[in-house]
Protein backbone atom coordinates (compact mmCIF):
# COMPACT_ATOMS: atom_id res chain seq x y z
CA UNK A 1 82.87 49.08 50.06
CA UNK A 2 85.90 47.02 51.10
CA UNK A 3 89.05 46.48 49.04
CA UNK A 4 92.76 45.78 49.38
CA UNK A 5 93.83 48.61 47.06
CA UNK A 6 93.63 52.38 47.40
CA UNK A 7 91.00 53.65 44.97
CA UNK A 8 92.11 56.25 42.39
CA UNK A 9 90.76 59.22 44.42
CA UNK A 10 92.77 58.26 47.51
CA UNK A 11 95.83 57.48 45.41
CA UNK A 12 95.60 60.93 43.81
CA UNK A 13 95.19 62.66 47.20
CA UNK A 14 98.23 60.90 48.67
CA UNK A 15 100.49 61.17 45.59
CA UNK A 16 102.67 63.93 47.05
CA UNK A 17 101.15 66.77 45.02
CA UNK A 18 99.77 68.49 48.17
CA UNK A 19 96.54 69.77 46.58
CA UNK A 20 95.48 73.16 47.95
CA UNK A 21 91.89 71.90 48.29
CA UNK A 22 93.01 69.49 51.04
CA UNK A 23 95.93 71.41 52.51
CA UNK A 24 94.35 71.67 55.96
CA UNK A 25 93.00 68.13 56.07
CA UNK A 26 94.25 65.97 58.89
CA UNK A 27 94.68 62.24 58.45
CA UNK A 28 94.13 60.28 61.63
CA UNK A 29 96.81 57.65 62.20
CA UNK A 30 95.71 55.08 64.77
CA UNK A 31 98.04 52.54 66.33
CA UNK A 32 97.59 50.03 69.14
CA UNK A 33 98.96 51.16 72.49
CA UNK A 34 100.80 48.77 74.79
CA UNK A 35 97.66 48.77 76.94
CA UNK A 36 95.66 47.36 73.99
CA UNK A 37 93.70 50.56 73.36
CA UNK A 38 93.71 52.59 70.12
CA UNK A 39 96.08 55.54 70.10
CA UNK A 40 95.50 58.47 67.73
CA UNK A 41 97.96 60.80 66.03
CA UNK A 42 97.57 63.20 63.13
CA UNK A 43 99.37 63.31 59.80
CA UNK A 44 99.20 65.91 57.07
CA UNK A 45 99.45 65.30 53.35
CA UNK A 46 103.08 66.42 53.69
CA UNK A 47 104.00 63.35 55.73
CA UNK A 48 102.59 60.51 53.65
CA UNK A 49 103.18 59.30 50.10
CA UNK A 50 101.24 56.65 48.19
CA UNK A 51 103.66 54.82 45.93
CA UNK A 52 101.16 52.35 44.48
CA UNK A 53 97.59 51.32 45.34
CA UNK A 54 99.10 48.87 47.90
CA UNK A 55 102.22 50.66 49.17
CA UNK A 56 102.76 53.87 51.16
CA UNK A 57 105.62 55.61 52.92
CA UNK A 58 105.12 57.98 55.83
CA UNK A 59 107.32 59.94 58.20
CA UNK A 60 106.63 60.61 61.89
CA UNK A 61 108.48 61.81 64.99
CA UNK A 62 111.04 59.19 66.06
CA UNK A 63 110.40 59.29 69.81
CA UNK A 64 106.62 59.44 69.69
CA UNK A 65 104.19 57.01 71.25
CA UNK A 66 102.95 56.22 67.73
CA UNK A 67 106.46 55.23 66.61
CA UNK A 68 106.85 52.95 69.63
CA UNK A 69 103.43 51.40 68.99
CA UNK A 70 104.22 50.75 65.32
CA UNK A 71 107.63 49.29 66.15
CA UNK A 72 105.99 46.90 68.60
CA UNK A 73 102.77 46.00 66.78
CA UNK A 74 103.25 46.74 63.07
CA UNK A 75 99.61 47.67 62.53
CA UNK A 76 98.04 51.06 61.84
CA UNK A 77 94.87 52.56 60.46
CA UNK A 78 94.59 55.80 58.53
CA UNK A 79 91.23 57.58 58.50
CA UNK A 80 90.20 60.58 56.45
CA UNK A 81 87.21 62.17 54.75
CA UNK A 82 87.05 62.20 50.97
CA UNK A 83 84.22 62.24 48.43
CA UNK A 84 81.42 62.06 51.00
CA UNK A 85 82.78 59.10 52.97
CA UNK A 86 85.07 58.29 55.84
CA UNK A 87 87.88 56.16 54.45
CA UNK A 88 89.61 53.68 56.72
CA UNK A 89 92.91 52.27 55.45
CA UNK A 90 94.27 49.38 57.48
CA UNK A 91 98.04 48.99 57.14
CA UNK A 92 100.82 46.59 57.98
CA UNK A 93 103.88 48.73 58.68
CA UNK A 94 107.63 48.25 58.96
CA UNK A 95 110.09 50.90 60.11
CA UNK A 96 112.84 51.63 57.60
CA UNK A 97 116.47 52.18 58.56
CA UNK A 98 116.51 55.59 56.84
CA UNK A 99 115.45 58.81 58.57
CA UNK A 100 114.05 61.86 56.83
CA UNK A 101 115.08 65.52 56.63
CA UNK A 102 116.86 67.57 59.24
CA UNK A 103 113.95 66.76 61.58
CA UNK A 104 115.30 63.21 61.75
CA UNK A 105 111.85 61.71 61.22
CA UNK A 106 111.26 57.96 61.36
CA UNK A 107 110.14 56.46 58.05
CA UNK A 108 107.71 53.57 57.77
CA UNK A 109 106.78 51.45 54.75
CA UNK A 110 103.15 50.45 54.80
CA UNK A 111 101.29 47.76 52.88
CA UNK A 112 97.55 48.19 52.49
CA UNK A 113 95.71 45.37 54.22
CA UNK A 114 92.17 46.65 53.71
CA UNK A 115 90.39 49.81 52.54
CA UNK A 116 86.87 50.50 53.77
CA UNK A 117 84.61 53.37 52.70
CA UNK A 118 82.10 54.19 55.42
CA UNK A 119 78.98 55.72 53.84
CA UNK A 120 75.42 56.11 55.02
CA UNK A 121 72.47 56.35 52.62
CA UNK A 122 70.96 59.20 54.65
CA UNK A 123 74.02 61.48 55.02
CA UNK A 124 77.15 62.68 53.26
CA UNK A 125 80.31 63.28 55.26
CA UNK A 126 81.55 66.75 54.36
CA UNK A 127 84.35 67.38 56.84
CA UNK A 128 86.69 65.43 59.04
CA UNK A 129 89.56 66.56 61.18
CA UNK A 130 91.14 69.75 59.91
CA UNK A 131 93.78 72.10 61.24
CA UNK A 132 94.95 75.66 60.86
CA UNK A 133 98.63 76.22 60.13
CA UNK A 134 100.37 78.81 62.30
CA UNK A 135 103.01 79.44 59.63
CA UNK A 136 101.65 78.09 56.37
CA UNK A 137 104.66 79.04 54.27
CA UNK A 138 107.18 77.19 56.43
CA UNK A 139 104.86 74.19 56.86
CA UNK A 140 104.44 73.92 53.08
CA UNK A 141 108.18 74.25 52.52
CA UNK A 142 108.81 71.45 55.04
CA UNK A 143 106.09 69.26 53.53
CA UNK A 144 107.50 69.70 50.02
CA UNK A 145 110.94 68.78 51.37
CA UNK A 146 109.54 65.72 53.15
CA UNK A 147 107.58 64.53 50.11
CA UNK A 148 110.67 64.98 47.90
CA UNK A 149 112.74 63.01 50.42
CA UNK A 150 110.14 60.22 50.54
CA UNK A 151 110.11 60.11 46.73
CA UNK A 152 113.92 59.97 46.62
CA UNK A 153 113.94 57.23 49.25
CA UNK A 154 111.42 55.24 47.25
CA UNK A 155 113.56 55.58 44.13
CA UNK A 156 116.79 54.53 45.84
CA UNK A 157 115.09 51.66 47.68
CA UNK A 158 113.67 50.29 44.44
CA UNK A 159 110.09 51.18 45.39
CA UNK A 160 108.09 52.55 42.52
CA UNK A 161 105.57 55.36 42.58
CA UNK A 162 102.62 55.25 40.23
């Protein structure tokens, strides 16, 4: 399946509600390195917000290789497991002037270019990348703060969620 909109299940997962069922799910963020090779980073649900089926905001470390790649190239791919498939979300990204929280995170607006569900008729994908939180309470507090800041930024920038 290929589309240019996030399907309802992905939209619900990335709506900022931080569902406990996916709390430890990692979302692979791939960018293009200056050497032309893919470069992988990980996001959590606490660092990304779907505003509409075509628009997302996400926050990442300002001095990371991923930030430099996105500033230079403007293309990214998110990959995650949901509902028995690997979902690949190709994005066109632009860094925003605003930063986020006391961590001074870089914020990117992303427009969905293409959404692909990778499924095989002989297998169901049950797990993707996951992580264990060393201090779950503080991570959740930070994620809630980051999601609230992304939502506030969207509201003040005239971007609409929903």
